[in-house]
Amino acid sequence: MSKKYKTPWDSKVYFDGGSRGNPGVAAGAAVINYQEETYIAEKFLPHATVNEAEYAGCIVGLEKALELGCEYVRVYGDSKLVVEQVTGFWSVKTPHLIPLYEQVILLKRQFKKCHLEWIPREQNQEADYLVNQCLDDNTGITFVREVALELPVCEPIPSLAKEIQEIIYLGDRARFAHFRSLKSGQDKFSRIKLAALREAVTNEVLELVTQSVTEGEEWVARTLRWYLRGLPIDMAIYKTKVDLEISSKVST
């Protein structure tokens, strides 16, 4: 009886992509684990859909793995569409995704073995965080933080005081997951309309929000509510960006 050959997997690639607006500013990124070292790859996209960004994350991850000399690679992503299309279970019907799909296939063929597998989003936190850092670095968040230091901060409301204080304490170390898990429920700010919210903040705060949140009045209102709940204005803006990305992924 012949022995079953065991593939000597030498590396893992975790990829992700995100778009704020869908389509809108976007990024794809990957984390590569190879020879007990961790490497990263990312690509900023000025205007793309979530699915285009997911493909971009897979592409830059495979390109980096080839550059490192990986031969047997396992690739993980939380995009069901990318994984199912690349593995051949789903057909590629969207015209603008076809060139990206073909690029992934060409990259796959350059490895001795390349296996793609879907994983839940909670198992893809590092790549997810990298995507959002890339978006922040390319969309003026640093400038927002510098300006925000000079603006007043509201006292955190009692129901969210612990969570908000933890995020403030973490500062730049606060991750996407911290903001995603921050939920307001129905509170005294939930039903306040935009006109009243504008009256409740300073002109400087309002100007910064309207310049930074360009996705519509609903999202401006959400940002102001988070500011009034106790998040510093830069973090309130980032919280809105997080919610926007979650909303765009759910809708695709």
Protein backbone atom coordinates (compact mmCIF):
# COMPACT_ATOMS: atom_id res chain seq x y z
CA MET A 1 0.00 0.00 0.00
CA SER A 2 1.45 3.35 -1.01
CA LYS A 3 1.83 6.07 1.59
CA LYS A 4 -0.41 9.12 1.31
CA TYR A 5 1.62 12.22 0.43
CA LYS A 6 1.34 15.03 2.96
CA THR A 7 1.63 18.58 1.62
CA PRO A 8 4.46 20.45 3.43
CA TRP A 9 2.54 23.72 3.95
CA ASP A 10 5.14 26.38 4.62
CA SER A 11 3.06 29.57 4.85
CA LYS A 12 -0.32 31.11 5.57
CA VAL A 13 -1.87 34.19 4.01
CA TYR A 14 -4.81 36.02 5.60
CA PHE A 15 -6.39 38.61 3.30
CA ASP A 16 -9.16 41.18 3.62
CA GLY A 17 -10.57 44.23 1.85
CA GLY A 18 -12.84 47.12 2.69
CA SER A 19 -14.54 50.08 1.03
CA ARG A 20 -15.95 53.13 2.75
CA GLY A 21 -18.92 53.97 0.60
CA ASN A 22 -19.01 50.83 -1.61
CA PRO A 23 -17.85 52.09 -4.00
CA GLY A 24 -15.58 54.59 -2.30
CA VAL A 25 -12.09 54.83 -0.87
CA ALA A 26 -10.93 51.27 -0.37
CA ALA A 27 -7.99 49.06 0.54
CA GLY A 28 -6.88 45.47 0.31
CA ALA A 29 -4.38 43.96 2.72
CA ALA A 30 -2.86 40.68 3.79
CA VAL A 31 -0.89 39.18 6.65
CA ILE A 32 1.64 36.51 5.65
CA ASN A 33 3.06 34.02 8.15
CA TYR A 34 6.26 32.41 6.82
CA GLN A 35 9.21 30.77 8.60
CA GLU A 36 8.03 31.96 12.02
CA GLU A 37 7.94 35.58 10.79
CA THR A 38 4.97 37.83 10.01
CA TYR A 39 4.90 40.04 6.94
CA ILE A 40 2.27 42.46 5.69
CA ALA A 41 1.14 43.74 2.30
CA GLU A 42 -1.44 46.39 1.48
CA LYS A 43 -2.84 48.43 -1.38
CA PHE A 44 -4.87 51.64 -1.20
CA LEU A 45 -7.61 52.05 -3.83
CA PRO A 46 -8.99 55.59 -4.32
CA HIS A 47 -12.32 54.26 -5.62
CA ALA A 48 -13.43 50.63 -5.49
CA THR A 49 -16.16 48.27 -4.29
CA VAL A 50 -15.79 45.91 -1.34
CA ASN A 51 -15.39 42.94 -3.67
CA GLU A 52 -12.67 44.68 -5.68
CA ALA A 53 -10.89 45.49 -2.42
CA GLU A 54 -11.18 41.86 -1.25
CA TYR A 55 -9.61 40.68 -4.51
CA ALA A 56 -6.87 43.30 -4.08
CA GLY A 57 -6.12 41.92 -0.62
CA CYS A 58 -5.82 38.39 -2.01
CA ILE A 59 -3.59 39.58 -4.86
CA VAL A 60 -1.13 41.55 -2.71
CA GLY A 61 -0.98 38.64 -0.26
CA LEU A 62 -0.09 36.14 -2.99
CA GLU A 63 2.41 38.55 -4.55
CA LYS A 64 4.14 39.02 -1.19
CA ALA A 65 4.19 35.26 -0.58
CA LEU A 66 5.89 34.72 -3.94
CA GLU A 67 8.39 37.47 -3.17
CA LEU A 68 9.25 35.74 0.11
CA GLY A 69 9.79 32.41 -1.63
CA CYS A 70 6.75 30.56 -0.31
CA GLU A 71 5.92 27.36 -2.20
CA TYR A 72 3.03 25.68 -0.38
CA VAL A 73 0.60 28.32 0.79
CA ARG A 74 -2.76 28.23 2.54
CA VAL A 75 -4.83 31.35 1.88
CA TYR A 76 -7.63 32.43 4.23
CA GLY A 77 -10.22 35.16 3.74
CA ASP A 78 -13.67 36.10 5.02
CA SER A 79 -14.94 36.98 1.52
CA LYS A 80 -17.18 34.10 0.48
CA LEU A 81 -17.35 35.56 -3.02
CA VAL A 82 -13.58 35.61 -3.63
CA VAL A 83 -12.96 32.17 -2.15
CA GLU A 84 -15.86 30.48 -3.95
CA GLN A 85 -15.00 32.11 -7.29
CA VAL A 86 -11.28 31.34 -7.14
CA THR A 87 -11.89 27.72 -6.09
CA GLY A 88 -14.34 27.31 -8.97
CA PHE A 89 -17.58 26.80 -7.08
CA TRP A 90 -19.04 30.14 -8.20
CA SER A 91 -18.77 31.68 -11.64
CA VAL A 92 -17.50 35.23 -12.14
CA LYS A 93 -20.32 37.20 -13.77
CA THR A 94 -19.40 40.78 -12.83
CA PRO A 95 -17.26 42.20 -15.67
CA HIS A 96 -14.98 44.38 -13.54
CA LEU A 97 -14.08 41.41 -11.30
CA ILE A 98 -12.98 39.14 -14.16
CA PRO A 99 -9.46 40.67 -14.57
CA LEU A 100 -8.92 40.45 -10.80
CA TYR A 101 -10.07 36.82 -10.75
CA GLU A 102 -7.71 36.01 -13.64
CA GLN A 103 -4.83 37.69 -11.82
CA VAL A 104 -5.40 35.54 -8.73
CA ILE A 105 -5.51 32.38 -10.86
CA LEU A 106 -2.20 33.29 -12.53
CA LEU A 107 -0.60 33.94 -9.14
CA LYS A 108 -1.90 30.64 -7.74
CA ARG A 109 -0.25 28.72 -10.56
CA GLN A 110 3.17 30.04 -9.56
CA PHE A 111 3.11 28.10 -6.28
CA LYS A 112 3.72 24.37 -6.01
CA LYS A 113 0.42 24.25 -4.15
CA CYS A 114 -2.04 27.00 -3.16
CA HIS A 115 -5.23 26.30 -1.24
CA LEU A 116 -7.95 28.89 -0.52
CA GLU A 117 -10.33 28.59 2.40
CA TRP A 118 -13.12 30.76 3.79
CA ILE A 119 -12.97 31.74 7.47
CA PRO A 120 -15.38 33.78 9.64
CA ARG A 121 -14.54 37.45 10.02
CA GLU A 122 -13.67 37.10 13.71
CA GLN A 123 -10.80 34.81 12.68
CA ASN A 124 -9.43 37.44 10.30
CA GLN A 125 -8.88 40.33 12.70
CA GLU A 126 -5.26 41.09 11.81
CA ALA A 127 -5.94 41.56 8.11
CA ASP A 128 -9.13 43.46 8.93
CA TYR A 129 -7.20 45.84 11.17
CA LEU A 130 -4.52 46.31 8.51
CA VAL A 131 -7.15 47.31 5.93
CA ASN A 132 -8.56 49.96 8.22
CA GLN A 133 -5.12 51.28 9.14
CA CYS A 134 -4.35 51.64 5.43
CA LEU A 135 -7.61 53.51 4.90
CA ASP A 136 -6.95 55.77 7.88
CA ASP A 137 -3.44 56.55 6.69
CA ASN A 138 -4.73 57.56 3.26
CA THR A 139 -7.89 59.48 4.19
CA GLY A 140 -6.71 62.19 6.55
CA ILE A 141 -7.46 60.58 9.90
CA THR A 142 -4.08 61.74 11.25
CA PHE A 143 -5.02 65.33 10.43
CA VAL A 144 -8.40 64.83 12.13
CA ARG A 145 -6.68 63.61 15.28
CA GLU A 146 -4.35 66.60 15.38
CA VAL A 147 -7.24 69.04 15.04
CA ALA A 148 -9.39 67.11 17.51
CA LEU A 149 -6.87 67.58 20.32
CA GLU A 150 -7.91 71.23 20.52
CA LEU A 151 -11.67 70.50 20.69
CA PRO A 152 -13.77 69.82 23.82
CA VAL A 153 -14.75 66.29 24.89
CA CYS A 154 -18.16 65.38 26.35
CA GLU A 155 -18.58 63.40 29.54
CA PRO A 156 -19.28 59.73 28.63
CA ILE A 157 -22.87 58.75 29.28
CA PRO A 158 -23.19 56.27 32.19
CA SER A 159 -24.42 53.34 30.10
CA LEU A 160 -21.32 53.44 27.88
CA ALA A 161 -18.79 55.00 30.24
CA LYS A 162 -16.71 51.85 30.75
CA GLU A 163 -16.42 51.02 27.02
CA ILE A 164 -15.73 54.63 25.99
CA GLN A 165 -13.13 55.16 28.71
CA GLU A 166 -11.35 51.96 27.62
CA ILE A 167 -11.17 53.18 24.00
CA ILE A 168 -9.93 56.61 25.10
CA TYR A 169 -7.29 54.94 27.27
CA LEU A 170 -6.13 52.78 24.35
CA GLY A 171 -5.87 55.82 22.06
CA ASP A 172 -4.01 54.87 18.87
CA ARG A 173 -3.92 51.28 20.10
CA ALA A 174 -7.73 51.04 19.89
CA ARG A 175 -8.54 48.63 17.08
CA PHE A 176 -11.34 48.26 14.60
CA ALA A 177 -12.87 45.54 16.80
CA HIS A 178 -13.16 47.89 19.79
CA PHE A 179 -15.23 50.37 17.78
CA ARG A 180 -17.27 47.66 16.09
CA SER A 181 -18.34 46.22 19.46
CA LEU A 182 -19.36 49.65 20.80
CA LYS A 183 -23.17 49.67 20.67
CA SER A 184 -25.45 52.45 21.87
CA GLY A 185 -28.84 50.78 21.86
CA GLN A 186 -31.71 53.22 22.28
CA ASP A 187 -30.63 56.15 24.41
CA LYS A 188 -31.49 59.83 24.77
CA PHE A 189 -29.46 60.75 21.68
CA SER A 190 -30.91 58.10 19.34
CA ARG A 191 -33.96 60.08 18.24
CA ILE A 192 -32.43 63.56 18.15
CA LYS A 193 -32.59 64.95 14.62
CA LEU A 194 -29.63 66.46 12.80
CA ALA A 195 -30.81 70.05 13.23
CA ALA A 196 -30.87 69.68 17.02
CA LEU A 197 -27.54 67.83 17.02
CA ARG A 198 -25.94 70.71 15.15
CA GLU A 199 -27.16 73.11 17.80
CA ALA A 200 -25.72 70.92 20.57
CA VAL A 201 -22.08 71.09 19.39
CA THR A 202 -19.61 73.87 18.73
CA ASN A 203 -19.07 75.27 15.24
CA GLU A 204 -15.54 73.84 15.22
CA VAL A 205 -16.80 70.32 15.96
CA LEU A 206 -19.55 70.60 13.34
CA GLU A 207 -17.12 71.86 10.70
CA LEU A 208 -14.67 69.01 11.33
CA VAL A 209 -17.44 66.40 11.10
CA THR A 210 -18.97 67.76 7.90
CA GLN A 211 -15.52 67.88 6.28
CA SER A 212 -14.62 64.35 7.38
CA VAL A 213 -17.94 62.51 6.94
CA THR A 214 -19.10 62.96 3.36
CA GLU A 215 -21.44 59.98 3.03
CA GLY A 216 -24.62 61.93 3.81
CA GLU A 217 -26.57 63.59 6.61
CA GLU A 218 -27.50 60.31 8.27
CA TRP A 219 -23.83 59.56 8.91
CA VAL A 220 -23.10 63.10 10.04
CA ALA A 221 -25.90 62.70 12.59
CA ARG A 222 -24.49 59.36 13.76
CA THR A 223 -21.08 60.92 14.27
CA LEU A 224 -22.47 63.80 16.31
CA ARG A 225 -24.43 61.38 18.47
CA TRP A 226 -21.27 59.42 19.28
CA TYR A 227 -19.47 62.64 20.10
CA LEU A 228 -22.24 63.67 22.47
CA ARG A 229 -22.17 60.21 24.07
CA GLY A 230 -18.56 60.87 25.07
CA LEU A 231 -16.21 59.80 22.28
CA PRO A 232 -13.58 62.42 21.37
CA ILE A 233 -14.51 63.82 17.97
CA ASP A 234 -11.73 62.01 16.08
CA MET A 235 -12.86 58.71 17.58
CA ALA A 236 -16.51 59.52 16.84
CA ILE A 237 -15.54 60.05 13.19
CA TYR A 238 -13.62 56.78 13.16
CA LYS A 239 -16.58 54.98 14.76
CA THR A 240 -18.70 56.19 11.83
CA LYS A 241 -16.11 54.90 9.35
CA VAL A 242 -16.21 51.51 11.07
CA ASP A 243 -20.02 51.40 10.92
CA LEU A 244 -19.91 52.43 7.26
CA GLU A 245 -17.61 49.58 6.37
CA ILE A 246 -19.72 47.06 8.28
CA SER A 247 -22.83 48.39 6.52
CA SER A 248 -21.20 48.13 3.09
CA LYS A 249 -20.06 44.54 3.72
CA VAL A 250 -23.51 43.48 4.91
CA SER A 251 -25.14 44.94 1.80
CA THR A 252 -22.92 43.05 -0.66
